[in-house]
Amino acid sequence: QVPLVESGGGSVQAGGSLRLSCTVSGRIFRINTMGWYRQAPGKQRELVAIITSEGTTDYTDAVKGRFTISRDNAENRVYLQMNSLKPEDTAMYYCNVKAFNVDTWGQGIQVTVPS
């Protein structure tokens, strides 16, 4: 598996912002989609946002208008800008990268928005 390095999590008050970053650390060929998923305690992992190699994006309804996913193809990096954070956004966030013969996950990064 190709390692992914995630950063940018933490704790922020409701209404605040965080920016997550995920970098592919290692050799990878033909990245297709890059995305962010999250898993809250006691819940299943869910898709938050995804971006294709052409820049097409999709978001779960709960974050539309608040989160923005973007990618830097030259750096093999994907970002998740999270604004207007809510307590229900509290979760472990995971980066996912799909490429030719590769489907790899980051170790997860905690985002906490106290109520």
PDB file of N, CA and C in Angstrom:
ATOM      1  N   GLN A   1       0.829  -1.196   0.000  1.00  0.00           N
ATOM      2  CA  GLN A   1       0.000   0.000   0.000  1.00  0.00           C
ATOM      3  C   GLN A   1       0.865   1.248   0.000  1.00  0.00           C
ATOM      4  N   VAL A   2       0.360   2.268  -0.644  1.00  0.00           N
ATOM      5  CA  VAL A   2       1.064   3.548  -0.686  1.00  0.00           C
ATOM      6  C   VAL A   2       0.654   4.357   0.538  1.00  0.00           C
ATOM      7  N   PRO A   3       1.605   4.811   1.341  1.00  0.00           N
ATOM      8  CA  PRO A   3       1.241   5.564   2.546  1.00  0.00           C
ATOM      9  C   PRO A   3       0.653   6.933   2.213  1.00  0.00           C
ATOM     10  N   LEU A   4      -0.275   7.350   3.064  1.00  0.00           N
ATOM     11  CA  LEU A   4      -0.847   8.685   2.975  1.00  0.00           C
ATOM     12  C   LEU A   4      -0.536   9.415   4.272  1.00  0.00           C
ATOM     13  N   VAL A   5      -0.140  10.665   4.173  1.00  0.00           N
ATOM     14  CA  VAL A   5       0.191  11.471   5.345  1.00  0.00           C
ATOM     15  C   VAL A   5      -0.876  12.547   5.499  1.00  0.00           C
ATOM     16  N   GLU A   6      -1.612  12.460   6.613  1.00  0.00           N
ATOM     17  CA  GLU A   6      -2.696  13.399   6.876  1.00  0.00           C
ATOM     18  C   GLU A   6      -2.262  14.417   7.929  1.00  0.00           C
ATOM     19  N   SER A   7      -2.791  15.628   7.807  1.00  0.00           N
ATOM     20  CA  SER A   7      -2.508  16.656   8.805  1.00  0.00           C
ATOM     21  C   SER A   7      -3.647  17.657   8.841  1.00  0.00           C
ATOM     22  N   GLY A   8      -3.660  18.468   9.904  1.00  0.00           N
ATOM     23  CA  GLY A   8      -4.596  19.580   9.971  1.00  0.00           C
ATOM     24  C   GLY A   8      -5.777  19.402  10.897  1.00  0.00           C
ATOM     25  N   GLY A   9      -5.902  18.260  11.528  1.00  0.00           N
ATOM     26  CA  GLY A   9      -7.024  18.065  12.432  1.00  0.00           C
ATOM     27  C   GLY A   9      -6.833  18.813  13.739  1.00  0.00           C
ATOM     28  N   GLY A  10      -7.789  18.632  14.633  1.00  0.00           N
ATOM     29  CA  GLY A  10      -7.698  19.267  15.931  1.00  0.00           C
ATOM     30  C   GLY A  10      -9.069  19.563  16.502  1.00  0.00           C
ATOM     31  N   SER A  11      -9.075  20.430  17.491  1.00  0.00           N
ATOM     32  CA  SER A  11     -10.317  20.828  18.139  1.00  0.00           C
ATOM     33  C   SER A  11     -10.590  22.291  17.859  1.00  0.00           C
ATOM     34  N   VAL A  12     -11.817  22.588  17.497  1.00  0.00           N
ATOM     35  CA  VAL A  12     -12.182  23.968  17.176  1.00  0.00           C
ATOM     36  C   VAL A  12     -13.607  24.210  17.644  1.00  0.00           C
ATOM     37  N   GLN A  13     -13.882  25.437  18.043  1.00  0.00           N
ATOM     38  CA  GLN A  13     -15.230  25.769  18.497  1.00  0.00           C
ATOM     39  C   GLN A  13     -16.206  25.757  17.329  1.00  0.00           C
ATOM     40  N   ALA A  14     -17.458  25.535  17.651  1.00  0.00           N
ATOM     41  CA  ALA A  14     -18.500  25.578  16.640  1.00  0.00           C
ATOM     42  C   ALA A  14     -18.455  26.900  15.884  1.00  0.00           C
ATOM     43  N   GLY A  15     -18.576  26.792  14.573  1.00  0.00           N
ATOM     44  CA  GLY A  15     -18.478  27.969  13.726  1.00  0.00           C
ATOM     45  C   GLY A  15     -17.082  28.224  13.194  1.00  0.00           C
ATOM     46  N   GLY A  16     -16.115  27.507  13.734  1.00  0.00           N
ATOM     47  CA  GLY A  16     -14.733  27.691  13.301  1.00  0.00           C
ATOM     48  C   GLY A  16     -14.394  26.907  12.047  1.00  0.00           C
ATOM     49  N   SER A  17     -13.114  26.948  11.688  1.00  0.00           N
ATOM     50  CA  SER A  17     -12.644  26.319  10.456  1.00  0.00           C
ATOM     51  C   SER A  17     -11.405  25.483  10.716  1.00  0.00           C
ATOM     52  N   LEU A  18     -11.261  24.452   9.911  1.00  0.00           N
ATOM     53  CA  LEU A  18     -10.050  23.646   9.873  1.00  0.00           C
ATOM     54  C   LEU A  18      -9.775  23.273   8.428  1.00  0.00           C
ATOM     55  N   ARG A  19      -8.512  23.010   8.141  1.00  0.00           N
ATOM     56  CA  ARG A  19      -8.142  22.550   6.812  1.00  0.00           C
ATOM     57  C   ARG A  19      -7.339  21.264   6.929  1.00  0.00           C
ATOM     58  N   LEU A  20      -7.883  20.203   6.386  1.00  0.00           N
ATOM     59  CA  LEU A  20      -7.192  18.922   6.382  1.00  0.00           C
ATOM     60  C   LEU A  20      -6.371  18.797   5.103  1.00  0.00           C
ATOM     61  N   SER A  21      -5.240  18.126   5.238  1.00  0.00           N
ATOM     62  CA  SER A  21      -4.366  17.892   4.100  1.00  0.00           C
ATOM     63  C   SER A  21      -3.971  16.421   4.078  1.00  0.00           C
ATOM     64  N   CYS A  22      -3.848  15.867   2.897  1.00  0.00           N
ATOM     65  CA  CYS A  22      -3.441  14.475   2.749  1.00  0.00           C
ATOM     66  C   CYS A  22      -2.492  14.387   1.571  1.00  0.00           C
ATOM     67  N   THR A  23      -1.299  13.875   1.820  1.00  0.00           N
ATOM     68  CA  THR A  23      -0.274  13.774   0.790  1.00  0.00           C
ATOM     69  C   THR A  23       0.076  12.320   0.548  1.00  0.00           C
ATOM     70  N   VAL A  24       0.152  11.955  -0.713  1.00  0.00           N
ATOM     71  CA  VAL A  24       0.600  10.615  -1.065  1.00  0.00           C
ATOM     72  C   VAL A  24       2.108  10.545  -0.877  1.00  0.00           C
ATOM     73  N   SER A  25       2.532   9.671  -0.003  1.00  0.00           N
ATOM     74  CA  SER A  25       3.951   9.545   0.311  1.00  0.00           C
ATOM     75  C   SER A  25       4.495   8.290  -0.339  1.00  0.00           C
ATOM     76  N   GLY A  26       5.010   8.441  -1.520  1.00  0.00           N
ATOM     77  CA  GLY A  26       5.507   7.276  -2.239  1.00  0.00           C
ATOM     78  C   GLY A  26       5.110   7.341  -3.690  1.00  0.00           C
ATOM     79  N   ARG A  27       5.540   6.336  -4.398  1.00  0.00           N
ATOM     80  CA  ARG A  27       5.307   6.314  -5.829  1.00  0.00           C
ATOM     81  C   ARG A  27       3.887   5.833  -6.122  1.00  0.00           C
ATOM     82  N   ILE A  28       3.214   6.554  -6.990  1.00  0.00           N
ATOM     83  CA  ILE A  28       1.859   6.165  -7.350  1.00  0.00           C
ATOM     84  C   ILE A  28       1.623   6.547  -8.792  1.00  0.00           C
ATOM     85  N   PHE A  29       0.793   5.764  -9.453  1.00  0.00           N
ATOM     86  CA  PHE A  29       0.598   5.934 -10.885  1.00  0.00           C
ATOM     87  C   PHE A  29      -0.879   6.122 -11.177  1.00  0.00           C
ATOM     88  N   ARG A  30      -1.167   7.173 -11.913  1.00  0.00           N
ATOM     89  CA  ARG A  30      -2.532   7.427 -12.367  1.00  0.00           C
ATOM     90  C   ARG A  30      -3.533   7.536 -11.223  1.00  0.00           C
ATOM     91  N   ILE A  31      -3.390   8.561 -10.381  1.00  0.00           N
ATOM     92  CA  ILE A  31      -4.396   8.796  -9.353  1.00  0.00           C
ATOM     93  C   ILE A  31      -5.715   9.136 -10.015  1.00  0.00           C
ATOM     94  N   ASN A  32      -6.769   8.500  -9.554  1.00  0.00           N
ATOM     95  CA  ASN A  32      -8.096   8.771 -10.083  1.00  0.00           C
ATOM     96  C   ASN A  32      -8.838   9.659  -9.089  1.00  0.00           C
ATOM     97  N   THR A  33      -9.504   9.050  -8.147  1.00  0.00           N
ATOM     98  CA  THR A  33     -10.239   9.856  -7.181  1.00  0.00           C
ATOM     99  C   THR A  33      -9.460  10.010  -5.876  1.00  0.00           C
ATOM    100  N   MET A  34      -9.662  11.147  -5.255  1.00  0.00           N
ATOM    101  CA  MET A  34      -9.136  11.412  -3.916  1.00  0.00           C
ATOM    102  C   MET A  34     -10.323  11.869  -3.075  1.00  0.00           C
ATOM    103  N   GLY A  35     -10.392  11.385  -1.863  1.00  0.00           N
ATOM    104  CA  GLY A  35     -11.572  11.726  -1.073  1.00  0.00           C
ATOM    105  C   GLY A  35     -11.318  11.720   0.413  1.00  0.00           C
ATOM    106  N   TRP A  36     -12.313  12.233   1.104  1.00  0.00           N
ATOM    107  CA  TRP A  36     -12.303  12.247   2.565  1.00  0.00           C
ATOM    108  C   TRP A  36     -13.552  11.535   3.068  1.00  0.00           C
ATOM    109  N   TYR A  37     -13.356  10.691   4.052  1.00  0.00           N
ATOM    110  CA  TYR A  37     -14.433   9.986   4.724  1.00  0.00           C
ATOM    111  C   TYR A  37     -14.331  10.316   6.205  1.00  0.00           C
ATOM    112  N   ARG A  38     -15.397  10.040   6.929  1.00  0.00           N
ATOM    113  CA  ARG A  38     -15.337  10.243   8.368  1.00  0.00           C
ATOM    114  C   ARG A  38     -16.121   9.161   9.093  1.00  0.00           C
ATOM    115  N   GLN A  39     -15.719   8.937  10.328  1.00  0.00           N
ATOM    116  CA  GLN A  39     -16.403   7.955  11.160  1.00  0.00           C
ATOM    117  C   GLN A  39     -16.524   8.499  12.570  1.00  0.00           C
ATOM    118  N   ALA A  40     -17.748   8.698  12.989  1.00  0.00           N
ATOM    119  CA  ALA A  40     -18.017   9.151  14.353  1.00  0.00           C
ATOM    120  C   ALA A  40     -18.179   7.920  15.249  1.00  0.00           C
ATOM    121  N   PRO A  41     -17.984   8.075  16.541  1.00  0.00           N
ATOM    122  CA  PRO A  41     -18.120   6.931  17.456  1.00  0.00           C
ATOM    123  C   PRO A  41     -19.491   6.275  17.336  1.00  0.00           C
ATOM    124  N   GLY A  42     -19.491   4.970  17.163  1.00  0.00           N
ATOM    125  CA  GLY A  42     -20.741   4.225  17.078  1.00  0.00           C
ATOM    126  C   GLY A  42     -21.432   4.302  15.736  1.00  0.00           C
ATOM    127  N   LYS A  43     -20.802   4.945  14.756  1.00  0.00           N
ATOM    128  CA  LYS A  43     -21.423   5.088  13.443  1.00  0.00           C
ATOM    129  C   LYS A  43     -20.535   4.477  12.372  1.00  0.00           C
ATOM    130  N   GLN A  44     -21.130   4.238  11.211  1.00  0.00           N
ATOM    131  CA  GLN A  44     -20.360   3.712  10.096  1.00  0.00           C
ATOM    132  C   GLN A  44     -19.564   4.821   9.425  1.00  0.00           C
ATOM    133  N   ARG A  45     -18.496   4.421   8.771  1.00  0.00           N
ATOM    134  CA  ARG A  45     -17.715   5.379   7.998  1.00  0.00           C
ATOM    135  C   ARG A  45     -18.566   5.875   6.835  1.00  0.00           C
ATOM    136  N   GLU A  46     -18.513   7.189   6.593  1.00  0.00           N
ATOM    137  CA  GLU A  46     -19.301   7.766   5.517  1.00  0.00           C
ATOM    138  C   GLU A  46     -18.427   8.662   4.638  1.00  0.00           C
ATOM    139  N   LEU A  47     -18.836   8.776   3.390  1.00  0.00           N
ATOM    140  CA  LEU A  47     -18.157   9.665   2.467  1.00  0.00           C
ATOM    141  C   LEU A  47     -18.477  11.106   2.831  1.00  0.00           C
ATOM    142  N   VAL A  48     -17.454  11.943   2.888  1.00  0.00           N
ATOM    143  CA  VAL A  48     -17.643  13.381   3.119  1.00  0.00           C
ATOM    144  C   VAL A  48     -17.560  14.128   1.799  1.00  0.00           C
ATOM    145  N   ALA A  49     -16.466  13.911   1.075  1.00  0.00           N
ATOM    146  CA  ALA A  49     -16.254  14.623  -0.180  1.00  0.00           C
ATOM    147  C   ALA A  49     -15.292  13.824  -1.041  1.00  0.00           C
ATOM    148  N   ILE A  50     -15.446  13.987  -2.346  1.00  0.00           N
ATOM    149  CA  ILE A  50     -14.599  13.269  -3.279  1.00  0.00           C
ATOM    150  C   ILE A  50     -14.307  14.182  -4.460  1.00  0.00           C
ATOM    151  N   ILE A  51     -13.126  14.007  -5.059  1.00  0.00           N
ATOM    152  CA  ILE A  51     -12.762  14.797  -6.218  1.00  0.00           C
ATOM    153  C   ILE A  51     -12.075  13.883  -7.221  1.00  0.00           C
ATOM    154  N   THR A  52     -12.481  13.995  -8.473  1.00  0.00           N
ATOM    155  CA  THR A  52     -11.898  13.157  -9.519  1.00  0.00           C
ATOM    156  C   THR A  52     -10.649  13.817 -10.096  1.00  0.00           C
ATOM    157  N   SER A  53      -9.987  13.087 -10.966  1.00  0.00           N
ATOM    158  CA  SER A  53      -8.790  13.623 -11.608  1.00  0.00           C
ATOM    159  C   SER A  53      -9.126  14.822 -12.488  1.00  0.00           C
ATOM    160  N   GLU A  54     -10.370  14.911 -12.944  1.00  0.00           N
ATOM    161  CA  GLU A  54     -10.790  16.044 -13.778  1.00  0.00           C
ATOM    162  C   GLU A  54     -11.268  17.221 -12.941  1.00  0.00           C
ATOM    163  N   GLY A  55     -11.336  17.029 -11.629  1.00  0.00           N
ATOM    164  CA  GLY A  55     -11.757  18.116 -10.755  1.00  0.00           C
ATOM    165  C   GLY A  55     -13.234  18.117 -10.409  1.00  0.00           C
ATOM    166  N   THR A  56     -13.946  17.104 -10.851  1.00  0.00           N
ATOM    167  CA  THR A  56     -15.352  16.986 -10.476  1.00  0.00           C
ATOM    168  C   THR A  56     -15.467  16.619  -9.002  1.00  0.00           C
ATOM    169  N   THR A  57     -16.340  17.304  -8.303  1.00  0.00           N
ATOM    170  CA  THR A  57     -16.476  17.085  -6.863  1.00  0.00           C
ATOM    171  C   THR A  57     -17.879  16.617  -6.499  1.00  0.00           C
ATOM    172  N   ASP A  58     -17.959  15.984  -5.365  1.00  0.00           N
ATOM    173  CA  ASP A  58     -19.245  15.570  -4.818  1.00  0.00           C
ATOM    174  C   ASP A  58     -19.126  15.591  -3.293  1.00  0.00           C
ATOM    175  N   TYR A  59     -20.234  15.932  -2.653  1.00  0.00           N
ATOM    176  CA  TYR A  59     -20.246  16.069  -1.203  1.00  0.00           C
ATOM    177  C   TYR A  59     -21.471  15.385  -0.610  1.00  0.00           C
ATOM    178  N   THR A  60     -21.322  14.914   0.613  1.00  0.00           N
ATOM    179  CA  THR A  60     -22.504  14.476   1.312  1.00  0.00           C
ATOM    180  C   THR A  60     -23.335  15.701   1.667  1.00  0.00           C
ATOM    181  N   ASP A  61     -24.647  15.530   1.702  1.00  0.00           N
ATOM    182  CA  ASP A  61     -25.528  16.676   1.893  1.00  0.00           C
ATOM    183  C   ASP A  61     -25.205  17.468   3.167  1.00  0.00           C
ATOM    184  N   ALA A  62     -24.766  16.783   4.194  1.00  0.00           N
ATOM    185  CA  ALA A  62     -24.550  17.430   5.491  1.00  0.00           C
ATOM    186  C   ALA A  62     -23.448  18.488   5.458  1.00  0.00           C
ATOM    187  N   VAL A  63     -22.573  18.440   4.462  1.00  0.00           N
ATOM    188  CA  VAL A  63     -21.451  19.382   4.439  1.00  0.00           C
ATOM    189  C   VAL A  63     -21.496  20.327   3.256  1.00  0.00           C
ATOM    190  N   LYS A  64     -22.471  20.165   2.383  1.00  0.00           N
ATOM    191  CA  LYS A  64     -22.561  21.030   1.201  1.00  0.00           C
ATOM    192  C   LYS A  64     -22.693  22.484   1.623  1.00  0.00           C
ATOM    193  N   GLY A  65     -21.907  23.330   0.982  1.00  0.00           N
ATOM    194  CA  GLY A  65     -21.910  24.741   1.306  1.00  0.00           C
ATOM    195  C   GLY A  65     -20.978  25.121   2.436  1.00  0.00           C
ATOM    196  N   ARG A  66     -20.447  24.128   3.150  1.00  0.00           N
ATOM    197  CA  ARG A  66     -19.530  24.413   4.264  1.00  0.00           C
ATOM    198  C   ARG A  66     -18.127  23.864   4.016  1.00  0.00           C
ATOM    199  N   PHE A  67     -18.045  22.730   3.366  1.00  0.00           N
ATOM    200  CA  PHE A  67     -16.750  22.094   3.107  1.00  0.00           C
ATOM    201  C   PHE A  67     -16.392  22.223   1.628  1.00  0.00           C
ATOM    202  N   THR A  68     -15.099  22.323   1.358  1.00  0.00           N
ATOM    203  CA  THR A  68     -14.612  22.366  -0.013  1.00  0.00           C
ATOM    204  C   THR A  68     -13.425  21.425  -0.158  1.00  0.00           C
ATOM    205  N   ILE A  69     -13.519  20.521  -1.122  1.00  0.00           N
ATOM    206  CA  ILE A  69     -12.402  19.632  -1.409  1.00  0.00           C
ATOM    207  C   ILE A  69     -11.644  20.152  -2.619  1.00  0.00           C
ATOM    208  N   SER A  70     -10.329  20.036  -2.570  1.00  0.00           N
ATOM    209  CA  SER A  70      -9.497  20.453  -3.694  1.00  0.00           C
ATOM    210  C   SER A  70      -8.266  19.544  -3.736  1.00  0.00           C
ATOM    211  N   ARG A  71      -7.567  19.589  -4.852  1.00  0.00           N
ATOM    212  CA  ARG A  71      -6.392  18.731  -4.969  1.00  0.00           C
ATOM    213  C   ARG A  71      -5.291  19.444  -5.736  1.00  0.00           C
ATOM    214  N   ASP A  72      -4.070  19.046  -5.446  1.00  0.00           N
ATOM    215  CA  ASP A  72      -2.887  19.528  -6.134  1.00  0.00           C
ATOM    216  C   ASP A  72      -2.274  18.310  -6.819  1.00  0.00           C
ATOM    217  N   ASN A  73      -2.507  18.189  -8.105  1.00  0.00           N
ATOM    218  CA  ASN A  73      -2.053  16.998  -8.817  1.00  0.00           C
ATOM    219  C   ASN A  73      -0.528  16.923  -8.890  1.00  0.00           C
ATOM    220  N   ALA A  74       0.128  18.064  -8.937  1.00  0.00           N
ATOM    221  CA  ALA A  74       1.591  18.060  -9.022  1.00  0.00           C
ATOM    222  C   ALA A  74       2.212  17.524  -7.739  1.00  0.00           C
ATOM    223  N   GLU A  75       1.524  17.775  -6.600  1.00  0.00           N
ATOM    224  CA  GLU A  75       2.051  17.345  -5.303  1.00  0.00           C
ATOM    225  C   GLU A  75       1.373  16.075  -4.793  1.00  0.00           C
ATOM    226  N   ASN A  76       0.437  15.525  -5.572  1.00  0.00           N
ATOM    227  CA  ASN A  76      -0.330  14.349  -5.123  1.00  0.00           C
ATOM    228  C   ASN A  76      -0.933  14.592  -3.749  1.00  0.00           C
ATOM    229  N   ARG A  77      -1.640  15.705  -3.643  1.00  0.00           N
ATOM    230  CA  ARG A  77      -2.167  16.133  -2.352  1.00  0.00           C
ATOM    231  C   ARG A  77      -3.637  16.494  -2.511  1.00  0.00           C
ATOM    232  N   VAL A  78      -4.404  16.224  -1.476  1.00  0.00           N
ATOM    233  CA  VAL A  78      -5.815  16.604  -1.451  1.00  0.00           C
ATOM    234  C   VAL A  78      -6.088  17.356  -0.157  1.00  0.00           C
ATOM    235  N   TYR A  79      -6.952  18.351  -0.252  1.00  0.00           N
ATOM    236  CA  TYR A  79      -7.299  19.190   0.890  1.00  0.00           C
ATOM    237  C   TYR A  79      -8.803  19.096   1.163  1.00  0.00           C
ATOM    238  N   LEU A  80      -9.138  19.369   2.402  1.00  0.00           N
ATOM    239  CA  LEU A  80     -10.540  19.535   2.771  1.00  0.00           C
ATOM    240  C   LEU A  80     -10.637  20.777   3.646  1.00  0.00           C
ATOM    241  N   GLN A  81     -11.172  21.833   3.066  1.00  0.00           N
ATOM    242  CA  GLN A  81     -11.411  23.065   3.824  1.00  0.00           C
ATOM    243  C   GLN A  81     -12.774  22.949   4.487  1.00  0.00           C
ATOM    244  N   MET A  82     -12.791  23.031   5.798  1.00  0.00           N
ATOM    245  CA  MET A  82     -14.029  22.862   6.559  1.00  0.00           C
ATOM    246  C   MET A  82     -14.355  24.158   7.277  1.00  0.00           C
ATOM    247  N   ASN A  83     -15.439  24.776   6.896  1.00  0.00           N
ATOM    248  CA  ASN A  83     -15.893  26.020   7.504  1.00  0.00           C
ATOM    249  C   ASN A  83     -17.214  25.796   8.242  1.00  0.00           C
ATOM    250  N   SER A  84     -17.547  26.743   9.098  1.00  0.00           N
ATOM    251  CA  SER A  84     -18.812  26.675   9.846  1.00  0.00           C
ATOM    252  C   SER A  84     -18.991  25.310  10.500  1.00  0.00           C
ATOM    253  N   LEU A  85     -17.951  24.854  11.157  1.00  0.00           N
ATOM    254  CA  LEU A  85     -17.985  23.525  11.748  1.00  0.00           C
ATOM    255  C   LEU A  85     -19.042  23.417  12.844  1.00  0.00           C
ATOM    256  N   LYS A  86     -19.632  22.239  12.922  1.00  0.00           N
ATOM    257  CA  LYS A  86     -20.695  21.961  13.884  1.00  0.00           C
ATOM    258  C   LYS A  86     -20.270  20.778  14.770  1.00  0.00           C
ATOM    259  N   PRO A  87     -20.856  20.653  15.931  1.00  0.00           N
ATOM    260  CA  PRO A  87     -20.522  19.504  16.789  1.00  0.00           C
ATOM    261  C   PRO A  87     -20.730  18.164  16.085  1.00  0.00           C
ATOM    262  N   GLU A  88     -21.705  18.091  15.204  1.00  0.00           N
ATOM    263  CA  GLU A  88     -21.963  16.823  14.500  1.00  0.00           C
ATOM    264  C   GLU A  88     -20.894  16.498  13.459  1.00  0.00           C
ATOM    265  N   ASP A  89     -19.975  17.419  13.224  1.00  0.00           N
ATOM    266  CA  ASP A  89     -18.833  17.127  12.350  1.00  0.00           C
ATOM    267  C   ASP A  89     -17.723  16.388  13.097  1.00  0.00           C
ATOM    268  N   THR A  90     -17.866  16.271  14.396  1.00  0.00           N
ATOM    269  CA  THR A  90     -16.856  15.574  15.184  1.00  0.00           C
ATOM    270  C   THR A  90     -16.742  14.121  14.733  1.00  0.00           C
ATOM    271  N   ALA A  91     -15.532  13.724  14.367  1.00  0.00           N
ATOM    272  CA  ALA A  91     -15.298  12.375  13.859  1.00  0.00           C
ATOM    273  C   ALA A  91     -13.814  12.192  13.582  1.00  0.00           C
ATOM    274  N   MET A  92     -13.467  10.950  13.286  1.00  0.00           N
ATOM    275  CA  MET A  92     -12.156  10.663  12.733  1.00  0.00           C
ATOM    276  C   MET A  92     -12.293  10.774  11.218  1.00  0.00           C
ATOM    277  N   TYR A  93     -11.431  11.560  10.611  1.00  0.00           N
ATOM    278  CA  TYR A  93     -11.481  11.779   9.177  1.00  0.00           C
ATOM    279  C   TYR A  93     -10.361  10.979   8.494  1.00  0.00           C
ATOM    280  N   TYR A  94     -10.732  10.306   7.418  1.00  0.00           N
ATOM    281  CA  TYR A  94      -9.799   9.449   6.701  1.00  0.00           C
ATOM    282  C   TYR A  94      -9.671   9.897   5.256  1.00  0.00           C
ATOM    283  N   CYS A  95      -8.456   9.957   4.791  1.00  0.00           N
ATOM    284  CA  CYS A  95      -8.175  10.244   3.396  1.00  0.00           C
ATOM    285  C   CYS A  95      -8.174   8.923   2.623  1.00  0.00           C
ATOM    286  N   ASN A  96      -8.683   8.967   1.406  1.00  0.00           N
ATOM    287  CA  ASN A  96      -8.679   7.794   0.529  1.00  0.00           C
ATOM    288  C   ASN A  96      -8.216   8.202  -0.853  1.00  0.00           C
ATOM    289  N   VAL A  97      -7.351   7.387  -1.423  1.00  0.00           N
ATOM    290  CA  VAL A  97      -6.842   7.634  -2.771  1.00  0.00           C
ATOM    291  C   VAL A  97      -6.998   6.370  -3.593  1.00  0.00           C
ATOM    292  N   LYS A  98      -7.596   6.522  -4.751  1.00  0.00           N
ATOM    293  CA  LYS A  98      -7.752   5.417  -5.690  1.00  0.00           C
ATOM    294  C   LYS A  98      -6.952   5.721  -6.941  1.00  0.00           C
ATOM    295  N   ALA A  99      -6.155   4.758  -7.318  1.00  0.00           N
ATOM    296  CA  ALA A  99      -5.326   4.908  -8.515  1.00  0.00           C
ATOM    297  C   ALA A  99      -5.248   3.553  -9.211  1.00  0.00           C
ATOM    298  N   PHE A 100      -4.440   3.483 -10.232  1.00  0.00           N
ATOM    299  CA  PHE A 100      -4.267   2.234 -10.954  1.00  0.00           C
ATOM    300  C   PHE A 100      -3.735   1.165  -9.994  1.00  0.00           C
ATOM    301  N   ASN A 101      -4.545   0.139  -9.753  1.00  0.00           N
ATOM    302  CA  ASN A 101      -4.168  -0.967  -8.861  1.00  0.00           C
ATOM    303  C   ASN A 101      -3.967  -0.554  -7.408  1.00  0.00           C
ATOM    304  N   VAL A 102      -4.480   0.600  -7.036  1.00  0.00           N
ATOM    305  CA  VAL A 102      -4.281   1.086  -5.671  1.00  0.00           C
ATOM    306  C   VAL A 102      -5.594   1.609  -5.105  1.00  0.00           C
ATOM    307  N   ASP A 103      -5.875   1.243  -3.878  1.00  0.00           N
ATOM    308  CA  ASP A 103      -6.994   1.821  -3.125  1.00  0.00           C
ATOM    309  C   ASP A 103      -6.489   1.907  -1.697  1.00  0.00           C
ATOM    310  N   THR A 104      -6.026   3.082  -1.300  1.00  0.00           N
ATOM    311  CA  THR A 104      -5.306   3.206  -0.040  1.00  0.00           C
ATOM    312  C   THR A 104      -5.939   4.241   0.871  1.00  0.00           C
ATOM    313  N   TRP A 105      -5.770   4.000   2.192  1.00  0.00           N
ATOM    314  CA  TRP A 105      -6.372   4.847   3.219  1.00  0.00           C
ATOM    315  C   TRP A 105      -5.308   5.422   4.130  1.00  0.00           C
ATOM    316  N   GLY A 106      -5.590   6.622   4.604  1.00  0.00           N
ATOM    317  CA  GLY A 106      -4.761   7.190   5.650  1.00  0.00           C
ATOM    318  C   GLY A 106      -5.120   6.591   7.000  1.00  0.00           C
ATOM    319  N   GLN A 107      -4.346   6.914   8.002  1.00  0.00           N
ATOM    320  CA  GLN A 107      -4.572   6.362   9.337  1.00  0.00           C
ATOM    321  C   GLN A 107      -5.682   7.076  10.092  1.00  0.00           C
ATOM    322  N   GLY A 108      -6.072   8.209   9.599  1.00  0.00           N
ATOM    323  CA  GLY A 108      -7.153   8.953  10.230  1.00  0.00           C
ATOM    324  C   GLY A 108      -6.634  10.113  11.048  1.00  0.00           C
ATOM    325  N   ILE A 109      -7.437  11.155  11.100  1.00  0.00           N
ATOM    326  CA  ILE A 109      -7.082  12.342  11.860  1.00  0.00           C
ATOM    327  C   ILE A 109      -8.345  12.844  12.553  1.00  0.00           C
ATOM    328  N   GLN A 110      -8.199  13.185  13.821  1.00  0.00           N
ATOM    329  CA  GLN A 110      -9.360  13.540  14.624  1.00  0.00           C
ATOM    330  C   GLN A 110      -9.749  15.002  14.432  1.00  0.00           C
ATOM    331  N   VAL A 111     -11.038  15.204  14.255  1.00  0.00           N
ATOM    332  CA  VAL A 111     -11.618  16.546  14.246  1.00  0.00           C
ATOM    333  C   VAL A 111     -12.675  16.582  15.341  1.00  0.00           C
ATOM    334  N   THR A 112     -12.544  17.541  16.242  1.00  0.00           N
ATOM    335  CA  THR A 112     -13.462  17.652  17.371  1.00  0.00           C
ATOM    336  C   THR A 112     -14.049  19.054  17.416  1.00  0.00           C
ATOM    337  N   VAL A 113     -15.362  19.105  17.474  1.00  0.00           N
ATOM    338  CA  VAL A 113     -16.077  20.372  17.603  1.00  0.00           C
ATOM    339  C   VAL A 113     -16.965  20.242  18.833  1.00  0.00           C
ATOM    340  N   PRO A 114     -16.522  20.758  19.966  1.00  0.00           N
ATOM    341  CA  PRO A 114     -17.286  20.595  21.206  1.00  0.00           C
ATOM    342  C   PRO A 114     -18.652  21.276  21.119  1.00  0.00           C
ATOM    343  N   SER A 115     -19.619  20.640  21.764  1.00  0.00           N
ATOM    344  CA  SER A 115     -20.968  21.232  21.768  1.00  0.00           C
ATOM    345  C   SER A 115     -21.147  22.169  22.940  1.00  0.00           C
TER     346      SER A 115
END
